Amino acid sequence: MTYKPALLIIDVQIGSFMNPLFIHNSEKLLDNIKQLITWAHRSNFPVILTQHNGKLGTLTSKNSSGWSLHPALPLIAQDVKIEKNFPDSFQDTTLESHLTHLGVNQLIVAGIQTEICVDATCRRAFSLGYDVILAKDAHSTADSSVLIADQIITHHNILLQNWFVSLCDTQDIIMSVSR
């Protein structure tokens, strides 16, 4: 099968970075995502970014200072931005119709939060028939009351890899995924 990939960046919004202790390895996360975006642009792969409309009063609520996509992302005019209200990036959005229009059958996924939006989106993409590659070093989360962020990330990498995704490091994606 010939794959037609797109890069999907989930919820990399300013609000998630306002508290420097919130997102685990935030600088490395941003660096890896920037590398993926730059690679996708050079490879002429579509770049799609979601923005979560957080609940009123949260750091990512719509029209708050934290709702915007992170300014460090090297975006171009052709990149598509999709607002969402649910963890699953496909639920009640134009994502699936946009991917269908582009003929995309492979998603390379990165973003925030591992156990919520990244997980839900990877599972749904798999169920819709997409070949899903999760950039295992380009998604992150925060500590919970039970587990530290690194444990959550490792757990979800293992769990998702068992059924829903292929796991690859950012550098491996850049070196191996091509048209």
N, C-alpha and C. Protein backbone atom coordinates (compact mmCIF):
# COMPACT_ATOMS: atom_id res chain seq x y z
N MET A 1 0.84 -1.19 0.00
CA MET A 1 0.00 0.00 0.00
C MET A 1 0.88 1.24 0.00
N THR A 2 0.49 2.21 -0.79
CA THR A 2 1.19 3.49 -0.81
C THR A 2 0.50 4.41 0.19
N TYR A 3 1.31 5.03 1.02
CA TYR A 3 0.75 5.91 2.04
C TYR A 3 0.84 7.37 1.61
N LYS A 4 -0.20 8.10 1.91
CA LYS A 4 -0.21 9.54 1.75
C LYS A 4 -0.37 10.15 3.14
N PRO A 5 0.74 10.61 3.72
CA PRO A 5 0.71 11.07 5.11
C PRO A 5 0.30 12.53 5.29
N ALA A 6 -0.13 12.81 6.50
CA ALA A 6 -0.33 14.17 6.99
C ALA A 6 0.18 14.19 8.42
N LEU A 7 0.66 15.35 8.83
CA LEU A 7 1.12 15.55 10.20
C LEU A 7 -0.02 16.20 10.98
N LEU A 8 -0.40 15.57 12.09
CA LEU A 8 -1.46 16.09 12.95
C LEU A 8 -0.85 16.49 14.28
N ILE A 9 -0.91 17.78 14.58
CA ILE A 9 -0.39 18.33 15.84
C ILE A 9 -1.59 18.68 16.71
N ILE A 10 -1.66 18.04 17.86
CA ILE A 10 -2.83 18.17 18.73
C ILE A 10 -2.59 19.15 19.88
N ASP A 11 -3.33 20.23 19.88
CA ASP A 11 -3.49 21.14 21.04
C ASP A 11 -2.20 21.70 21.62
N VAL A 12 -1.27 22.11 20.78
CA VAL A 12 -0.04 22.73 21.28
C VAL A 12 -0.32 24.23 21.40
N GLN A 13 -0.99 24.56 22.50
CA GLN A 13 -1.49 25.90 22.75
C GLN A 13 -0.72 26.56 23.89
N ILE A 14 -0.68 27.86 23.86
CA ILE A 14 0.08 28.64 24.84
C ILE A 14 -0.30 28.27 26.26
N GLY A 15 -1.58 28.07 26.52
CA GLY A 15 -2.05 27.81 27.88
C GLY A 15 -1.38 26.62 28.54
N SER A 16 -1.04 25.62 27.75
CA SER A 16 -0.39 24.43 28.31
C SER A 16 1.03 24.71 28.75
N PHE A 17 1.60 25.81 28.31
CA PHE A 17 2.99 26.14 28.64
C PHE A 17 3.10 27.31 29.61
N MET A 18 1.97 27.84 30.06
CA MET A 18 1.99 28.99 30.97
C MET A 18 2.57 28.63 32.33
N ASN A 19 2.32 27.40 32.77
CA ASN A 19 2.94 26.91 33.99
C ASN A 19 4.10 26.03 33.56
N PRO A 20 5.35 26.45 33.80
CA PRO A 20 6.49 25.70 33.28
C PRO A 20 6.61 24.29 33.84
N LEU A 21 5.93 23.99 34.93
CA LEU A 21 5.99 22.65 35.50
C LEU A 21 4.88 21.75 34.97
N PHE A 22 3.99 22.31 34.16
CA PHE A 22 2.83 21.54 33.72
C PHE A 22 3.19 20.46 32.70
N ILE A 23 3.72 20.84 31.57
CA ILE A 23 4.00 19.89 30.50
C ILE A 23 5.40 19.30 30.69
N HIS A 24 5.46 17.99 30.79
CA HIS A 24 6.72 17.26 30.97
C HIS A 24 7.63 17.48 29.77
N ASN A 25 8.89 17.83 30.05
CA ASN A 25 9.90 18.05 29.00
C ASN A 25 9.40 19.01 27.92
N SER A 26 8.83 20.13 28.35
CA SER A 26 8.17 21.04 27.40
C SER A 26 9.11 21.57 26.32
N GLU A 27 10.35 21.87 26.67
CA GLU A 27 11.29 22.39 25.66
C GLU A 27 11.61 21.33 24.61
N LYS A 28 11.86 20.10 25.05
CA LYS A 28 12.15 19.01 24.11
C LYS A 28 10.92 18.70 23.26
N LEU A 29 9.75 18.72 23.88
CA LEU A 29 8.50 18.51 23.15
C LEU A 29 8.37 19.53 22.02
N LEU A 30 8.51 20.80 22.35
CA LEU A 30 8.39 21.86 21.33
C LEU A 30 9.45 21.70 20.25
N ASP A 31 10.66 21.37 20.63
CA ASP A 31 11.73 21.18 19.64
C ASP A 31 11.38 20.05 18.67
N ASN A 32 10.92 18.92 19.19
CA ASN A 32 10.57 17.80 18.33
C ASN A 32 9.39 18.13 17.41
N ILE A 33 8.40 18.82 17.94
CA ILE A 33 7.25 19.19 17.12
C ILE A 33 7.67 20.19 16.04
N LYS A 34 8.53 21.14 16.38
CA LYS A 34 9.03 22.08 15.37
C LYS A 34 9.77 21.34 14.27
N GLN A 35 10.58 20.34 14.64
CA GLN A 35 11.30 19.56 13.64
C GLN A 35 10.32 18.81 12.73
N LEU A 36 9.29 18.23 13.31
CA LEU A 36 8.29 17.51 12.51
C LEU A 36 7.56 18.44 11.54
N ILE A 37 7.21 19.62 12.01
CA ILE A 37 6.51 20.57 11.15
C ILE A 37 7.41 21.02 10.00
N THR A 38 8.65 21.35 10.32
CA THR A 38 9.60 21.77 9.28
C THR A 38 9.81 20.66 8.26
N TRP A 39 9.95 19.43 8.73
CA TRP A 39 10.10 18.27 7.85
C TRP A 39 8.86 18.10 6.96
N ALA A 40 7.67 18.21 7.55
CA ALA A 40 6.43 18.05 6.78
C ALA A 40 6.34 19.12 5.69
N HIS A 41 6.68 20.35 6.04
CA HIS A 41 6.65 21.42 5.03
C HIS A 41 7.62 21.11 3.89
N ARG A 42 8.85 20.71 4.22
CA ARG A 42 9.85 20.38 3.19
C ARG A 42 9.39 19.21 2.32
N SER A 43 8.67 18.27 2.93
CA SER A 43 8.21 17.08 2.22
C SER A 43 6.87 17.28 1.52
N ASN A 44 6.32 18.47 1.65
CA ASN A 44 5.00 18.80 1.07
C ASN A 44 3.88 17.92 1.62
N PHE A 45 3.99 17.55 2.90
CA PHE A 45 2.92 16.84 3.57
C PHE A 45 2.00 17.87 4.22
N PRO A 46 0.70 17.64 4.22
CA PRO A 46 -0.19 18.55 4.91
C PRO A 46 0.11 18.58 6.42
N VAL A 47 -0.01 19.77 7.00
CA VAL A 47 0.12 19.95 8.44
C VAL A 47 -1.23 20.44 8.95
N ILE A 48 -1.77 19.70 9.91
CA ILE A 48 -3.07 20.03 10.49
C ILE A 48 -2.87 20.18 11.99
N LEU A 49 -3.38 21.27 12.54
CA LEU A 49 -3.23 21.54 13.97
C LEU A 49 -4.60 21.70 14.60
N THR A 50 -4.80 21.06 15.74
CA THR A 50 -6.05 21.25 16.45
C THR A 50 -5.84 22.24 17.59
N GLN A 51 -6.90 22.94 17.91
CA GLN A 51 -6.95 23.85 19.05
C GLN A 51 -8.16 23.46 19.88
N HIS A 52 -7.89 23.09 21.13
CA HIS A 52 -8.97 22.69 22.01
C HIS A 52 -9.63 23.91 22.62
N ASN A 53 -10.95 23.95 22.53
CA ASN A 53 -11.71 25.00 23.20
C ASN A 53 -11.95 24.54 24.63
N GLY A 54 -11.04 24.92 25.52
CA GLY A 54 -11.13 24.51 26.91
C GLY A 54 -12.36 25.09 27.59
N LYS A 55 -12.68 24.49 28.70
CA LYS A 55 -13.83 24.96 29.48
C LYS A 55 -13.58 26.39 29.95
N LEU A 56 -14.67 27.14 30.13
CA LEU A 56 -14.59 28.52 30.58
C LEU A 56 -13.76 28.61 31.86
N GLY A 57 -12.82 29.52 31.88
CA GLY A 57 -11.98 29.72 33.05
C GLY A 57 -10.68 28.91 33.03
N THR A 58 -10.52 28.02 32.04
CA THR A 58 -9.27 27.26 31.95
C THR A 58 -8.26 28.02 31.08
N LEU A 59 -7.01 27.58 31.12
CA LEU A 59 -5.95 28.26 30.38
C LEU A 59 -6.10 28.16 28.86
N THR A 60 -6.93 27.22 28.39
CA THR A 60 -7.13 27.09 26.94
C THR A 60 -8.57 27.40 26.51
N SER A 61 -9.30 28.12 27.35
CA SER A 61 -10.66 28.47 26.94
C SER A 61 -10.57 29.43 25.75
N LYS A 62 -11.53 29.29 24.85
CA LYS A 62 -11.50 30.08 23.62
C LYS A 62 -11.45 31.57 23.95
N ASN A 63 -10.63 32.27 23.19
CA ASN A 63 -10.41 33.72 23.31
C ASN A 63 -9.65 34.12 24.57
N SER A 64 -9.15 33.14 25.34
CA SER A 64 -8.26 33.48 26.45
C SER A 64 -6.85 33.65 25.89
N SER A 65 -5.95 34.20 26.69
CA SER A 65 -4.57 34.40 26.22
C SER A 65 -3.87 33.08 25.97
N GLY A 66 -4.32 32.00 26.56
CA GLY A 66 -3.68 30.70 26.38
C GLY A 66 -4.28 29.84 25.28
N TRP A 67 -5.33 30.32 24.61
CA TRP A 67 -6.00 29.52 23.59
C TRP A 67 -5.20 29.40 22.30
N SER A 68 -4.44 30.41 21.96
CA SER A 68 -3.72 30.42 20.69
C SER A 68 -2.68 29.31 20.61
N LEU A 69 -2.38 28.91 19.38
CA LEU A 69 -1.31 27.95 19.18
C LEU A 69 0.01 28.56 19.62
N HIS A 70 0.93 27.73 20.07
CA HIS A 70 2.21 28.21 20.59
C HIS A 70 2.96 28.96 19.48
N PRO A 71 3.47 30.14 19.79
CA PRO A 71 4.13 30.96 18.76
C PRO A 71 5.44 30.36 18.23
N ALA A 72 6.01 29.38 18.92
CA ALA A 72 7.26 28.78 18.45
C ALA A 72 7.04 27.83 17.27
N LEU A 73 5.80 27.47 17.00
CA LEU A 73 5.52 26.54 15.91
C LEU A 73 5.76 27.24 14.57
N PRO A 74 6.55 26.64 13.69
CA PRO A 74 6.88 27.27 12.39
C PRO A 74 5.77 27.04 11.35
N LEU A 75 4.68 27.75 11.52
CA LEU A 75 3.51 27.54 10.67
C LEU A 75 3.58 28.36 9.39
N ILE A 76 2.91 27.84 8.36
CA ILE A 76 2.77 28.57 7.10
C ILE A 76 1.30 28.69 6.78
N ALA A 77 0.98 29.52 5.78
CA ALA A 77 -0.41 29.81 5.46
C ALA A 77 -1.21 28.56 5.08
N GLN A 78 -0.56 27.57 4.47
CA GLN A 78 -1.28 26.38 4.03
C GLN A 78 -1.66 25.43 5.17
N ASP A 79 -1.06 25.60 6.33
CA ASP A 79 -1.39 24.73 7.46
C ASP A 79 -2.84 24.95 7.86
N VAL A 80 -3.49 23.86 8.20
CA VAL A 80 -4.92 23.90 8.54
C VAL A 80 -5.09 23.86 10.05
N LYS A 81 -5.93 24.75 10.56
CA LYS A 81 -6.23 24.79 11.99
C LYS A 81 -7.69 24.38 12.18
N ILE A 82 -7.89 23.46 13.12
CA ILE A 82 -9.23 22.95 13.38
C ILE A 82 -9.53 23.09 14.87
N GLU A 83 -10.61 23.79 15.18
CA GLU A 83 -11.05 23.90 16.57
C GLU A 83 -11.79 22.63 16.97
N LYS A 84 -11.65 22.28 18.25
CA LYS A 84 -12.37 21.10 18.73
C LYS A 84 -12.86 21.33 20.15
N ASN A 85 -13.90 20.60 20.52
CA ASN A 85 -14.49 20.71 21.85
C ASN A 85 -14.36 19.43 22.67
N PHE A 86 -13.83 18.38 22.05
CA PHE A 86 -13.74 17.08 22.70
C PHE A 86 -12.32 16.54 22.57
N PRO A 87 -11.93 15.58 23.41
CA PRO A 87 -10.59 15.00 23.30
C PRO A 87 -10.32 14.37 21.93
N ASP A 88 -11.29 13.70 21.35
CA ASP A 88 -11.15 13.07 20.04
C ASP A 88 -11.19 14.17 18.97
N SER A 89 -10.08 14.34 18.27
CA SER A 89 -9.97 15.42 17.28
C SER A 89 -10.93 15.26 16.10
N PHE A 90 -11.52 14.09 15.95
CA PHE A 90 -12.48 13.86 14.87
C PHE A 90 -13.91 14.21 15.28
N GLN A 91 -14.20 14.17 16.56
CA GLN A 91 -15.58 14.34 17.04
C GLN A 91 -16.08 15.75 16.78
N ASP A 92 -17.13 15.84 15.97
CA ASP A 92 -17.78 17.11 15.65
C ASP A 92 -16.82 18.16 15.09
N THR A 93 -15.84 17.70 14.28
CA THR A 93 -14.93 18.62 13.59
C THR A 93 -14.91 18.27 12.10
N THR A 94 -14.17 19.05 11.35
CA THR A 94 -14.01 18.82 9.92
C THR A 94 -12.76 17.98 9.61
N LEU A 95 -12.11 17.43 10.62
CA LEU A 95 -10.86 16.73 10.39
C LEU A 95 -11.00 15.59 9.39
N GLU A 96 -11.96 14.70 9.59
CA GLU A 96 -12.09 13.54 8.71
C GLU A 96 -12.40 13.97 7.27
N SER A 97 -13.30 14.91 7.08
CA SER A 97 -13.61 15.34 5.71
C SER A 97 -12.41 16.02 5.06
N HIS A 98 -11.65 16.74 5.85
CA HIS A 98 -10.44 17.39 5.32
C HIS A 98 -9.42 16.34 4.87
N LEU A 99 -9.20 15.33 5.69
CA LEU A 99 -8.25 14.27 5.34
C LEU A 99 -8.72 13.50 4.11
N THR A 100 -10.01 13.23 4.04
CA THR A 100 -10.57 12.54 2.88
C THR A 100 -10.36 13.36 1.61
N HIS A 101 -10.63 14.64 1.69
CA HIS A 101 -10.44 15.55 0.55
C HIS A 101 -8.99 15.53 0.06
N LEU A 102 -8.04 15.43 0.99
CA LEU A 102 -6.62 15.41 0.63
C LEU A 102 -6.13 14.03 0.21
N GLY A 103 -6.97 13.00 0.42
CA GLY A 103 -6.55 11.64 0.08
C GLY A 103 -5.57 11.05 1.08
N VAL A 104 -5.54 11.58 2.28
CA VAL A 104 -4.62 11.12 3.33
C VAL A 104 -5.08 9.77 3.87
N ASN A 105 -4.14 8.84 4.04
CA ASN A 105 -4.46 7.55 4.65
C ASN A 105 -3.49 7.19 5.77
N GLN A 106 -2.57 8.11 6.08
CA GLN A 106 -1.61 7.89 7.16
C GLN A 106 -1.49 9.18 7.97
N LEU A 107 -1.60 9.06 9.29
CA LEU A 107 -1.46 10.21 10.18
C LEU A 107 -0.23 10.04 11.05
N ILE A 108 0.57 11.08 11.09
CA ILE A 108 1.70 11.15 12.01
C ILE A 108 1.25 12.11 13.10
N VAL A 109 1.19 11.63 14.33
CA VAL A 109 0.54 12.35 15.42
C VAL A 109 1.55 12.79 16.48
N ALA A 110 1.38 14.02 16.95
CA ALA A 110 2.17 14.58 18.04
C ALA A 110 1.29 15.57 18.79
N GLY A 111 1.66 15.92 20.03
CA GLY A 111 0.91 16.96 20.73
C GLY A 111 0.67 16.71 22.20
N ILE A 112 -0.41 17.29 22.69
CA ILE A 112 -0.73 17.35 24.11
C ILE A 112 -2.20 16.95 24.29
N GLN A 113 -2.61 16.35 25.22
CA GLN A 113 -2.10 15.60 26.34
C GLN A 113 -2.17 14.13 26.02
N THR A 114 -1.11 13.45 26.36
CA THR A 114 -0.93 12.04 26.04
C THR A 114 -2.16 11.20 26.35
N GLU A 115 -2.62 11.24 27.58
CA GLU A 115 -3.65 10.30 28.03
C GLU A 115 -5.07 10.77 27.71
N ILE A 116 -5.19 11.94 27.15
CA ILE A 116 -6.53 12.45 26.85
C ILE A 116 -6.67 12.61 25.33
N CYS A 117 -6.28 13.75 24.81
CA CYS A 117 -6.53 14.05 23.40
C CYS A 117 -5.67 13.23 22.44
N VAL A 118 -4.42 12.99 22.77
CA VAL A 118 -3.57 12.18 21.89
C VAL A 118 -4.11 10.75 21.84
N ASP A 119 -4.39 10.17 22.99
CA ASP A 119 -4.92 8.81 23.05
C ASP A 119 -6.24 8.69 22.29
N ALA A 120 -7.19 9.57 22.58
CA ALA A 120 -8.51 9.49 21.96
C ALA A 120 -8.42 9.63 20.44
N THR A 121 -7.57 10.53 19.98
CA THR A 121 -7.44 10.76 18.55
C THR A 121 -6.76 9.59 17.85
N CYS A 122 -5.73 9.02 18.45
CA CYS A 122 -5.06 7.86 17.85
C CYS A 122 -6.02 6.68 17.73
N ARG A 123 -6.78 6.43 18.76
CA ARG A 123 -7.73 5.31 18.72
C ARG A 123 -8.79 5.53 17.64
N ARG A 124 -9.31 6.74 17.56
CA ARG A 124 -10.35 7.03 16.56
C ARG A 124 -9.77 6.94 15.16
N ALA A 125 -8.57 7.47 14.95
CA ALA A 125 -7.95 7.41 13.62
C ALA A 125 -7.78 5.96 13.19
N PHE A 126 -7.31 5.12 14.09
CA PHE A 126 -7.17 3.69 13.79
C PHE A 126 -8.52 3.08 13.42
N SER A 127 -9.55 3.39 14.20
CA SER A 127 -10.90 2.85 13.94
C SER A 127 -11.46 3.32 12.60
N LEU A 128 -11.01 4.48 12.14
CA LEU A 128 -11.46 5.00 10.85
C LEU A 128 -10.63 4.46 9.69
N GLY A 129 -9.61 3.66 10.01
CA GLY A 129 -8.83 3.02 8.95
C GLY A 129 -7.52 3.69 8.60
N TYR A 130 -7.12 4.70 9.33
CA TYR A 130 -5.85 5.36 9.06
C TYR A 130 -4.70 4.53 9.61
N ASP A 131 -3.57 4.56 8.91
CA ASP A 131 -2.32 4.05 9.45
C ASP A 131 -1.80 5.17 10.34
N VAL A 132 -1.58 4.89 11.62
CA VAL A 132 -1.23 5.93 12.58
C VAL A 132 0.20 5.71 13.09
N ILE A 133 1.00 6.75 12.97
CA ILE A 133 2.35 6.76 13.55
C ILE A 133 2.33 7.79 14.66
N LEU A 134 2.64 7.36 15.86
CA LEU A 134 2.73 8.27 17.00
C LEU A 134 4.19 8.59 17.25
N ALA A 135 4.51 9.86 17.21
CA ALA A 135 5.88 10.31 17.51
C ALA A 135 6.07 10.19 19.02
N LYS A 136 6.75 9.12 19.44
CA LYS A 136 6.78 8.79 20.87
C LYS A 136 7.52 9.80 21.72
N ASP A 137 8.33 10.64 21.10
CA ASP A 137 9.03 11.68 21.85
C ASP A 137 8.49 13.08 21.52
N ALA A 138 7.28 13.12 20.94
CA ALA A 138 6.69 14.41 20.58
C ALA A 138 5.24 14.51 21.04
N HIS A 139 4.94 13.83 22.15
CA HIS A 139 3.67 14.04 22.84
C HIS A 139 3.98 14.05 24.32
N SER A 140 3.15 14.77 25.07
CA SER A 140 3.46 14.91 26.50
C SER A 140 2.20 15.20 27.30
N THR A 141 2.42 15.25 28.61
CA THR A 141 1.34 15.51 29.55
C THR A 141 1.92 16.08 30.83
N ALA A 142 1.10 16.13 31.85
CA ALA A 142 1.51 16.60 33.17
C ALA A 142 1.39 15.46 34.17
N ASP A 143 2.02 15.64 35.32
CA ASP A 143 1.86 14.68 36.40
C ASP A 143 0.39 14.63 36.82
N SER A 144 -0.07 13.45 37.20
CA SER A 144 -1.41 13.32 37.77
C SER A 144 -1.25 13.11 39.27
N SER A 145 -2.35 12.91 39.95
CA SER A 145 -2.29 12.65 41.40
C SER A 145 -1.79 11.23 41.68
N VAL A 146 -1.72 10.39 40.65
CA VAL A 146 -1.34 8.99 40.81
C VAL A 146 0.00 8.66 40.17
N LEU A 147 0.26 9.23 38.99
CA LEU A 147 1.47 8.90 38.23
C LEU A 147 2.19 10.17 37.80
N ILE A 148 3.51 10.04 37.63
CA ILE A 148 4.26 11.16 37.08
C ILE A 148 4.12 11.12 35.55
N ALA A 149 4.33 12.24 34.93
CA ALA A 149 4.11 12.37 33.48
C ALA A 149 4.87 11.32 32.69
N ASP A 150 6.11 11.08 33.03
CA ASP A 150 6.91 10.12 32.28
C ASP A 150 6.28 8.72 32.33
N GLN A 151 5.69 8.35 33.46
CA GLN A 151 5.01 7.05 33.56
C GLN A 151 3.76 7.02 32.68
N ILE A 152 3.03 8.11 32.65
CA ILE A 152 1.82 8.19 31.83
C ILE A 152 2.19 8.05 30.36
N ILE A 153 3.22 8.77 29.94
CA ILE A 153 3.67 8.73 28.54
C ILE A 153 4.13 7.32 28.16
N THR A 154 4.95 6.72 28.99
CA THR A 154 5.45 5.37 28.72
C THR A 154 4.31 4.37 28.66
N HIS A 155 3.40 4.45 29.61
CA HIS A 155 2.24 3.55 29.64
C HIS A 155 1.42 3.67 28.35
N HIS A 156 1.13 4.89 27.93
CA HIS A 156 0.31 5.08 26.74
C HIS A 156 1.06 4.69 25.47
N ASN A 157 2.35 4.91 25.43
CA ASN A 157 3.12 4.43 24.27
C ASN A 157 2.97 2.92 24.13
N ILE A 158 3.10 2.20 25.24
CA ILE A 158 2.98 0.73 25.21
C ILE A 158 1.56 0.31 24.87
N LEU A 159 0.59 0.92 25.54
CA LEU A 159 -0.82 0.58 25.33
C LEU A 159 -1.26 0.85 23.90
N LEU A 160 -0.93 2.02 23.38
CA LEU A 160 -1.35 2.37 22.02
C LEU A 160 -0.64 1.51 20.98
N GLN A 161 0.62 1.20 21.23
CA GLN A 161 1.39 0.41 20.27
C GLN A 161 0.83 -1.01 20.13
N ASN A 162 0.23 -1.52 21.18
CA ASN A 162 -0.32 -2.87 21.12
C ASN A 162 -1.41 -3.02 20.07
N TRP A 163 -2.14 -1.95 19.76
CA TRP A 163 -3.25 -2.05 18.81
C TRP A 163 -3.33 -0.93 17.79
N PHE A 164 -3.09 0.28 18.21
CA PHE A 164 -3.57 1.44 17.47
C PHE A 164 -2.53 2.21 16.65
N VAL A 165 -1.26 2.14 17.01
CA VAL A 165 -0.25 2.98 16.37
C VAL A 165 1.05 2.22 16.15
N SER A 166 1.86 2.77 15.27
CA SER A 166 3.28 2.42 15.22
C SER A 166 3.99 3.53 15.96
N LEU A 167 4.94 3.19 16.78
CA LEU A 167 5.69 4.19 17.54
C LEU A 167 7.02 4.46 16.86
N CYS A 168 7.35 5.73 16.72
CA CYS A 168 8.64 6.11 16.14
C CYS A 168 9.15 7.37 16.83
N ASP A 169 10.45 7.47 16.97
CA ASP A 169 11.07 8.71 17.43
C ASP A 169 10.96 9.75 16.32
N THR A 170 10.99 11.00 16.70
CA THR A 170 10.94 12.10 15.73
C THR A 170 11.98 11.92 14.64
N GLN A 171 13.22 11.63 15.02
CA GLN A 171 14.29 11.50 14.02
C GLN A 171 14.04 10.32 13.08
N ASP A 172 13.49 9.23 13.60
CA ASP A 172 13.17 8.08 12.74
C ASP A 172 12.07 8.42 11.75
N ILE A 173 11.10 9.21 12.17
CA ILE A 173 10.03 9.64 11.26
C ILE A 173 10.63 10.49 10.15
N ILE A 174 11.44 11.44 10.53
CA ILE A 174 12.05 12.34 9.56
C ILE A 174 12.91 11.58 8.56
N MET A 175 13.59 10.55 9.03
CA MET A 175 14.48 9.79 8.16
C MET A 175 13.77 8.74 7.31
N SER A 176 12.60 8.26 7.76
CA SER A 176 12.04 7.10 7.06
C SER A 176 10.71 7.31 6.37
N VAL A 177 9.92 8.26 6.80
CA VAL A 177 8.60 8.44 6.19
C VAL A 177 8.75 9.40 5.01
N SER A 178 8.38 8.92 3.84
CA SER A 178 8.46 9.77 2.65
C SER A 178 7.37 9.39 1.68
N ARG A 179 7.20 10.20 0.69
CA ARG A 179 6.20 9.94 -0.37
C ARG A 179 6.70 8.86 -1.27
